[in-house]
Amino acid sequence: MLDILYEDNHIIVAYKPKGILSQADGSNKQDMLTILKEYIKEKYNKPGNVYLGLVHRLDMNTSGVMVFARTSKAAARLSEQIKNNELRKKYIATVEGILNNQDYITLENYITKNEALKKASITSDGQFSKLEYKAINSYSINGVDVTDVDIILHTGRFHQIRCQMANINHPLFGDTKYGSRNLIDKEQFPLDAYYLSFKHPTTKEILEFKKK
C-alpha cells in the first residue's frame, strides 16, 4: 500500500490512497502519519519514538501526494511555505455538469467552516479562498453528465474545492454533502491531489512530484 515518491534525511513524500486518514483521529482507521513512522522505524532500525511532522492534510476520501517532515527544522520551514502559499498543489476532480473552458477560470470566495456539521460554506466574513479550474474532458456516468477538471489550489481551506465547485452549481460527482444527488459508496467522490511542488527545506531546490 505504501507508495514512497521521495525520501532523504529531511523529508518524505508519499502518495496517500483514498480511505486513509492523514493523521490519527482517535478511531481505528489507518493514517499516513502512523504508517510512515512505522516504515521509518523498520527501514532504519530506529529505537524509541520516531519523529515525523505533519505539515498539511488531505481529507480521508481525497487521494494524493503529501510531504512529511523528518526534522523539526524541516517542519517549520515547510509550514512557513504553506503559510505563504508557496506550496503548489494541483488536483483532478470529477464534477457534475458540462464544462468546456479551455483556459483556467479563477474562483475567489470567503469560506467559513461549521465545526458542528463538518461542512464549509461561502460567507462574507470567512477566510479568503482561491482556486483556478480548467475543463479536461466531459462524459457520462450512469446517465449523468460530468466533467474532469484540473484545479490549481492557491489556498488550503477546509473542503475548499468541494465548497467552491458546489457554489457554481458543479458539485463533485457523488459528494452528497455539497449538493450531489448521485450517491456513490459512502461519498467516495473523485478528488485526487496529483501534483505537489515546494522548496526543499535545506537545499532550497524546487521539487516537483506527480502521482505515478
C-alpha atoms as a PDB file:
ATOM      1  CA  MET A   1       0.000   0.000   0.000  1.00  0.00           C
ATOM      2  CA  LEU A   2       2.836   2.406   0.795  1.00  0.00           C
ATOM      3  CA  ASP A   3       3.901   4.458  -2.227  1.00  0.00           C
ATOM      4  CA  ILE A   4       7.050   6.492  -1.450  1.00  0.00           C
ATOM      5  CA  LEU A   5       7.875   9.057  -4.137  1.00  0.00           C
ATOM      6  CA  TYR A   6      10.962  10.544  -2.463  1.00  0.00           C
ATOM      7  CA  GLU A   7      12.851  10.458   0.816  1.00  0.00           C
ATOM      8  CA  ASP A   8      16.001  11.875   2.361  1.00  0.00           C
ATOM      9  CA  ASN A   9      17.122  12.841   5.871  1.00  0.00           C
ATOM     10  CA  HIS A  10      14.762  15.847   5.933  1.00  0.00           C
ATOM     11  CA  ILE A  11      11.517  14.890   4.182  1.00  0.00           C
ATOM     12  CA  ILE A  12       9.400  12.015   2.908  1.00  0.00           C
ATOM     13  CA  VAL A  13       6.995  12.440   0.002  1.00  0.00           C
ATOM     14  CA  ALA A  14       4.324   9.754  -0.278  1.00  0.00           C
ATOM     15  CA  TYR A  15       1.064   9.130  -2.098  1.00  0.00           C
ATOM     16  CA  LYS A  16      -1.982   8.797   0.159  1.00  0.00           C
ATOM     17  CA  PRO A  17      -4.741   6.478  -1.077  1.00  0.00           C
ATOM     18  CA  LYS A  18      -8.445   7.154  -0.585  1.00  0.00           C
ATOM     19  CA  GLY A  19      -9.854   5.916   2.700  1.00  0.00           C
ATOM     20  CA  ILE A  20      -6.673   6.606   4.702  1.00  0.00           C
ATOM     21  CA  LEU A  21      -6.542   9.458   7.219  1.00  0.00           C
ATOM     22  CA  SER A  22      -3.696  11.978   7.125  1.00  0.00           C
ATOM     23  CA  GLN A  23      -3.260  11.563  10.882  1.00  0.00           C
ATOM     24  CA  ALA A  24      -4.976   9.562  13.623  1.00  0.00           C
ATOM     25  CA  ASP A  25      -8.346  10.853  14.824  1.00  0.00           C
ATOM     26  CA  GLY A  26      -8.965   8.507  17.750  1.00  0.00           C
ATOM     27  CA  SER A  27     -10.712   5.900  15.631  1.00  0.00           C
ATOM     28  CA  ASN A  28      -9.275   2.583  14.459  1.00  0.00           C
ATOM     29  CA  LYS A  29      -8.810   3.843  10.900  1.00  0.00           C
ATOM     30  CA  GLN A  30      -5.364   3.752   9.337  1.00  0.00           C
ATOM     31  CA  ASP A  31      -3.486   7.016   8.939  1.00  0.00           C
ATOM     32  CA  MET A  32      -0.469   8.070   6.874  1.00  0.00           C
ATOM     33  CA  LEU A  33       1.486   9.556   9.768  1.00  0.00           C
ATOM     34  CA  THR A  34       1.453   6.308  11.749  1.00  0.00           C
ATOM     35  CA  ILE A  35       2.119   4.176   8.662  1.00  0.00           C
ATOM     36  CA  LEU A  36       5.162   6.273   7.711  1.00  0.00           C
ATOM     37  CA  LYS A  37       6.528   6.317  11.262  1.00  0.00           C
ATOM     38  CA  GLU A  38       6.415   2.525  11.289  1.00  0.00           C
ATOM     39  CA  TYR A  39       8.082   2.462   7.875  1.00  0.00           C
ATOM     40  CA  ILE A  40      10.946   4.681   9.104  1.00  0.00           C
ATOM     41  CA  LYS A  41      11.314   2.721  12.320  1.00  0.00           C
ATOM     42  CA  GLU A  42      11.612  -0.571  10.464  1.00  0.00           C
ATOM     43  CA  LYS A  43      13.713   0.579   7.500  1.00  0.00           C
ATOM     44  CA  TYR A  44      16.271   2.495   9.534  1.00  0.00           C
ATOM     45  CA  ASN A  45      16.059   0.344  12.686  1.00  0.00           C
ATOM     46  CA  LYS A  46      15.148   3.369  14.819  1.00  0.00           C
ATOM     47  CA  PRO A  47      14.711   2.725  18.547  1.00  0.00           C
ATOM     48  CA  GLY A  48      12.013   4.512  20.530  1.00  0.00           C
ATOM     49  CA  ASN A  49       9.653   7.101  19.103  1.00  0.00           C
ATOM     50  CA  VAL A  50      10.177   8.314  15.531  1.00  0.00           C
ATOM     51  CA  TYR A  51       9.734  11.993  14.753  1.00  0.00           C
ATOM     52  CA  LEU A  52       7.652  12.796  11.685  1.00  0.00           C
ATOM     53  CA  GLY A  53       5.965  16.157  11.210  1.00  0.00           C
ATOM     54  CA  LEU A  54       2.574  16.523   9.519  1.00  0.00           C
ATOM     55  CA  VAL A  55       2.652  19.878   7.716  1.00  0.00           C
ATOM     56  CA  HIS A  56      -0.500  19.616   5.591  1.00  0.00           C
ATOM     57  CA  ARG A  57      -3.516  17.333   5.300  1.00  0.00           C
ATOM     58  CA  LEU A  58      -5.759  15.661   2.781  1.00  0.00           C
ATOM     59  CA  ASP A  59      -9.296  14.569   3.605  1.00  0.00           C
ATOM     60  CA  MET A  60      -9.769  10.850   4.126  1.00  0.00           C
ATOM     61  CA  ASN A  61     -11.669  10.464   0.841  1.00  0.00           C
ATOM     62  CA  THR A  62      -9.108  12.504  -1.113  1.00  0.00           C
ATOM     63  CA  SER A  63      -6.090  10.709  -2.533  1.00  0.00           C
ATOM     64  CA  GLY A  64      -2.866  12.465  -3.391  1.00  0.00           C
ATOM     65  CA  VAL A  65       0.748  13.474  -2.908  1.00  0.00           C
ATOM     66  CA  MET A  66       1.803  14.569   0.589  1.00  0.00           C
ATOM     67  CA  VAL A  67       5.092  15.744   2.091  1.00  0.00           C
ATOM     68  CA  PHE A  68       6.107  14.936   5.680  1.00  0.00           C
ATOM     69  CA  ALA A  69       8.991  16.429   7.654  1.00  0.00           C
ATOM     70  CA  ARG A  70      11.614  14.194   9.258  1.00  0.00           C
ATOM     71  CA  THR A  71      13.068  17.000  11.406  1.00  0.00           C
ATOM     72  CA  SER A  72      11.528  19.861  13.358  1.00  0.00           C
ATOM     73  CA  LYS A  73      13.539  22.355  11.286  1.00  0.00           C
ATOM     74  CA  ALA A  74      12.141  20.913   8.062  1.00  0.00           C
ATOM     75  CA  ALA A  75       8.634  21.022   9.540  1.00  0.00           C
ATOM     76  CA  ALA A  76       9.000  24.700  10.464  1.00  0.00           C
ATOM     77  CA  ARG A  77      10.313  25.664   7.029  1.00  0.00           C
ATOM     78  CA  LEU A  78       7.646  23.712   5.158  1.00  0.00           C
ATOM     79  CA  SER A  79       4.948  25.203   7.396  1.00  0.00           C
ATOM     80  CA  GLU A  80       6.258  28.673   6.551  1.00  0.00           C
ATOM     81  CA  GLN A  81       5.947  27.890   2.839  1.00  0.00           C
ATOM     82  CA  ILE A  82       2.356  26.779   3.396  1.00  0.00           C
ATOM     83  CA  LYS A  83       1.617  29.947   5.342  1.00  0.00           C
ATOM     84  CA  ASN A  84       2.982  31.999   2.439  1.00  0.00           C
ATOM     85  CA  ASN A  85       1.058  29.913  -0.152  1.00  0.00           C
ATOM     86  CA  GLU A  86       4.341  28.728  -1.693  1.00  0.00           C
ATOM     87  CA  LEU A  87       3.372  25.068  -1.973  1.00  0.00           C
ATOM     88  CA  ARG A  88       1.890  24.493  -5.420  1.00  0.00           C
ATOM     89  CA  LYS A  89      -0.897  21.929  -5.467  1.00  0.00           C
ATOM     90  CA  LYS A  90      -2.939  20.590  -8.361  1.00  0.00           C
ATOM     91  CA  TYR A  91      -5.978  18.349  -8.248  1.00  0.00           C
ATOM     92  CA  ILE A  92      -8.108  16.350 -10.654  1.00  0.00           C
ATOM     93  CA  ALA A  93     -11.798  16.391  -9.756  1.00  0.00           C
ATOM     94  CA  THR A  94     -14.875  14.985 -11.476  1.00  0.00           C
ATOM     95  CA  VAL A  95     -17.724  17.469 -11.203  1.00  0.00           C
ATOM     96  CA  GLU A  96     -21.321  17.258 -12.292  1.00  0.00           C
ATOM     97  CA  GLY A  97     -22.400  19.051 -15.456  1.00  0.00           C
ATOM     98  CA  ILE A  98     -20.702  20.011 -18.692  1.00  0.00           C
ATOM     99  CA  LEU A  99     -17.779  22.448 -18.563  1.00  0.00           C
ATOM    100  CA  ASN A 100     -15.783  23.368 -21.660  1.00  0.00           C
ATOM    101  CA  ASN A 101     -13.487  26.214 -20.594  1.00  0.00           C
ATOM    102  CA  GLN A 102     -10.075  25.630 -22.192  1.00  0.00           C
ATOM    103  CA  ASP A 103      -8.445  28.346 -20.079  1.00  0.00           C
ATOM    104  CA  TYR A 104      -8.303  28.491 -16.300  1.00  0.00           C
ATOM    105  CA  ILE A 105     -11.146  30.313 -14.561  1.00  0.00           C
ATOM    106  CA  THR A 106     -10.464  31.821 -11.130  1.00  0.00           C
ATOM    107  CA  LEU A 107     -12.825  31.394  -8.183  1.00  0.00           C
ATOM    108  CA  GLU A 108     -12.376  33.688  -5.185  1.00  0.00           C
ATOM    109  CA  ASN A 109     -14.649  33.370  -2.161  1.00  0.00           C
ATOM    110  CA  TYR A 110     -14.661  33.647   1.619  1.00  0.00           C
ATOM    111  CA  ILE A 111     -15.225  30.316   3.336  1.00  0.00           C
ATOM    112  CA  THR A 112     -16.361  29.523   6.876  1.00  0.00           C
ATOM    113  CA  LYS A 113     -16.156  26.081   8.484  1.00  0.00           C
ATOM    114  CA  ASN A 114     -19.116  24.852  10.502  1.00  0.00           C
ATOM    115  CA  GLU A 115     -17.492  22.677  13.167  1.00  0.00           C
ATOM    116  CA  ALA A 116     -20.759  21.025  14.220  1.00  0.00           C
ATOM    117  CA  LEU A 117     -21.709  19.992  10.689  1.00  0.00           C
ATOM    118  CA  LYS A 118     -18.109  19.453   9.484  1.00  0.00           C
ATOM    119  CA  LYS A 119     -19.027  21.473   6.420  1.00  0.00           C
ATOM    120  CA  ALA A 120     -17.755  24.627   4.690  1.00  0.00           C
ATOM    121  CA  SER A 121     -19.918  27.424   3.316  1.00  0.00           C
ATOM    122  CA  ILE A 122     -19.459  30.655   1.394  1.00  0.00           C
ATOM    123  CA  THR A 123     -19.831  33.658   3.705  1.00  0.00           C
ATOM    124  CA  SER A 124     -18.945  37.342   3.687  1.00  0.00           C
ATOM    125  CA  ASP A 125     -16.648  37.124   6.712  1.00  0.00           C
ATOM    126  CA  GLY A 126     -14.824  33.812   6.219  1.00  0.00           C
ATOM    127  CA  GLN A 127     -11.260  33.031   5.131  1.00  0.00           C
ATOM    128  CA  PHE A 128     -10.167  34.162   1.684  1.00  0.00           C
ATOM    129  CA  SER A 129     -10.121  31.172  -0.668  1.00  0.00           C
ATOM    130  CA  LYS A 130      -8.810  30.981  -4.216  1.00  0.00           C
ATOM    131  CA  LEU A 131      -8.542  28.297  -6.877  1.00  0.00           C
ATOM    132  CA  GLU A 132      -8.367  28.030 -10.643  1.00  0.00           C
ATOM    133  CA  TYR A 133     -10.079  25.353 -12.691  1.00  0.00           C
ATOM    134  CA  LYS A 134      -9.972  24.187 -16.308  1.00  0.00           C
ATOM    135  CA  ALA A 135     -12.070  21.563 -18.079  1.00  0.00           C
ATOM    136  CA  ILE A 136     -10.248  18.461 -19.299  1.00  0.00           C
ATOM    137  CA  ASN A 137     -12.991  16.317 -20.801  1.00  0.00           C
ATOM    138  CA  SER A 138     -16.711  15.651 -20.419  1.00  0.00           C
ATOM    139  CA  TYR A 139     -18.537  12.308 -20.494  1.00  0.00           C
ATOM    140  CA  SER A 140     -21.368  10.452 -18.785  1.00  0.00           C
ATOM    141  CA  ILE A 141     -21.501   8.252 -15.679  1.00  0.00           C
ATOM    142  CA  ASN A 142     -24.713   6.225 -15.376  1.00  0.00           C
ATOM    143  CA  GLY A 143     -26.530   8.808 -17.471  1.00  0.00           C
ATOM    144  CA  VAL A 144     -25.162  11.788 -15.517  1.00  0.00           C
ATOM    145  CA  ASP A 145     -23.119  14.387 -17.410  1.00  0.00           C
ATOM    146  CA  VAL A 146     -19.765  15.012 -15.706  1.00  0.00           C
ATOM    147  CA  THR A 147     -16.520  16.847 -16.441  1.00  0.00           C
ATOM    148  CA  ASP A 148     -12.989  16.122 -15.275  1.00  0.00           C
ATOM    149  CA  VAL A 149     -11.382  19.399 -14.234  1.00  0.00           C
ATOM    150  CA  ASP A 150      -7.806  20.362 -13.462  1.00  0.00           C
ATOM    151  CA  ILE A 151      -7.625  22.538 -10.344  1.00  0.00           C
ATOM    152  CA  ILE A 152      -4.793  24.743  -9.105  1.00  0.00           C
ATOM    153  CA  LEU A 153      -5.330  25.296  -5.391  1.00  0.00           C
ATOM    154  CA  HIS A 154      -3.939  28.604  -4.111  1.00  0.00           C
ATOM    155  CA  THR A 155      -5.279  28.390  -0.546  1.00  0.00           C
ATOM    156  CA  GLY A 156      -5.893  25.279   1.516  1.00  0.00           C
ATOM    157  CA  ARG A 157      -9.192  25.829   3.306  1.00  0.00           C
ATOM    158  CA  PHE A 158     -11.391  23.127   4.792  1.00  0.00           C
ATOM    159  CA  HIS A 159     -13.329  21.392   1.973  1.00  0.00           C
ATOM    160  CA  GLN A 160     -12.386  24.300  -0.264  1.00  0.00           C
ATOM    161  CA  ILE A 161     -12.634  22.567  -3.656  1.00  0.00           C
ATOM    162  CA  ARG A 162     -15.869  20.821  -2.716  1.00  0.00           C
ATOM    163  CA  CYS A 163     -17.423  24.041  -1.433  1.00  0.00           C
ATOM    164  CA  GLN A 164     -16.320  26.359  -4.250  1.00  0.00           C
ATOM    165  CA  MET A 165     -17.266  23.998  -7.078  1.00  0.00           C
ATOM    166  CA  ALA A 166     -20.675  23.371  -5.489  1.00  0.00           C
ATOM    167  CA  ASN A 167     -21.137  27.144  -5.227  1.00  0.00           C
ATOM    168  CA  ILE A 168     -21.041  27.404  -9.046  1.00  0.00           C
ATOM    169  CA  ASN A 169     -23.525  24.501  -9.307  1.00  0.00           C
ATOM    170  CA  HIS A 170     -20.903  21.898 -10.240  1.00  0.00           C
ATOM    171  CA  PRO A 171     -20.519  19.751  -7.106  1.00  0.00           C
ATOM    172  CA  LEU A 172     -18.146  16.805  -7.166  1.00  0.00           C
ATOM    173  CA  PHE A 173     -19.853  13.716  -8.509  1.00  0.00           C
ATOM    174  CA  GLY A 174     -21.161  11.738  -5.540  1.00  0.00           C
ATOM    175  CA  ASP A 175     -20.484  14.491  -2.987  1.00  0.00           C
ATOM    176  CA  THR A 176     -23.919  14.486  -1.369  1.00  0.00           C
ATOM    177  CA  LYS A 177     -22.773  16.773   1.455  1.00  0.00           C
ATOM    178  CA  TYR A 178     -22.360  19.555  -1.088  1.00  0.00           C
ATOM    179  CA  GLY A 179     -25.426  19.034  -3.237  1.00  0.00           C
ATOM    180  CA  SER A 180     -24.804  15.976  -5.402  1.00  0.00           C
ATOM    181  CA  ARG A 181     -27.829  13.749  -5.831  1.00  0.00           C
ATOM    182  CA  ASN A 182     -25.696  10.909  -7.137  1.00  0.00           C
ATOM    183  CA  LEU A 183     -24.670   8.824  -4.158  1.00  0.00           C
ATOM    184  CA  ILE A 184     -21.706   6.582  -4.883  1.00  0.00           C
ATOM    185  CA  ASP A 185     -20.330   4.485  -1.998  1.00  0.00           C
ATOM    186  CA  LYS A 186     -20.159   6.472   1.232  1.00  0.00           C
ATOM    187  CA  GLU A 187     -19.304   9.677  -0.626  1.00  0.00           C
ATOM    188  CA  GLN A 188     -16.294   8.204  -2.393  1.00  0.00           C
ATOM    189  CA  PHE A 189     -16.268  11.225  -4.684  1.00  0.00           C
ATOM    190  CA  PRO A 190     -13.399  11.558  -7.200  1.00  0.00           C
ATOM    191  CA  LEU A 191     -10.763  14.043  -5.989  1.00  0.00           C
ATOM    192  CA  ASP A 192      -7.048  13.454  -6.378  1.00  0.00           C
ATOM    193  CA  ALA A 193      -4.150  15.750  -5.387  1.00  0.00           C
ATOM    194  CA  TYR A 194      -1.961  14.518  -8.216  1.00  0.00           C
ATOM    195  CA  TYR A 195       0.764  17.227  -8.137  1.00  0.00           C
ATOM    196  CA  LEU A 196       2.818  18.882  -5.385  1.00  0.00           C
ATOM    197  CA  SER A 197       5.696  21.326  -5.696  1.00  0.00           C
ATOM    198  CA  PHE A 198       7.692  23.036  -2.937  1.00  0.00           C
ATOM    199  CA  LYS A 199      11.139  24.268  -1.985  1.00  0.00           C
ATOM    200  CA  HIS A 200      13.341  21.709  -0.231  1.00  0.00           C
ATOM    201  CA  PRO A 201      13.679  22.884   3.393  1.00  0.00           C
ATOM    202  CA  THR A 202      17.505  22.723   3.399  1.00  0.00           C
ATOM    203  CA  THR A 203      18.807  22.736  -0.196  1.00  0.00           C
ATOM    204  CA  LYS A 204      16.165  25.281  -1.364  1.00  0.00           C
ATOM    205  CA  GLU A 205      15.818  23.301  -4.597  1.00  0.00           C
ATOM    206  CA  ILE A 206      12.348  23.361  -6.148  1.00  0.00           C
ATOM    207  CA  LEU A 207      10.980  19.818  -6.041  1.00  0.00           C
ATOM    208  CA  GLU A 208       8.052  18.598  -8.131  1.00  0.00           C
ATOM    209  CA  PHE A 209       6.124  15.378  -7.616  1.00  0.00           C
ATOM    210  CA  LYS A 210       3.325  13.758  -9.586  1.00  0.00           C
ATOM    211  CA  LYS A 211       1.264  10.685  -8.988  1.00  0.00           C
ATOM    212  CA  LYS A 212       2.938   7.749 -10.688  1.00  0.00           C
END
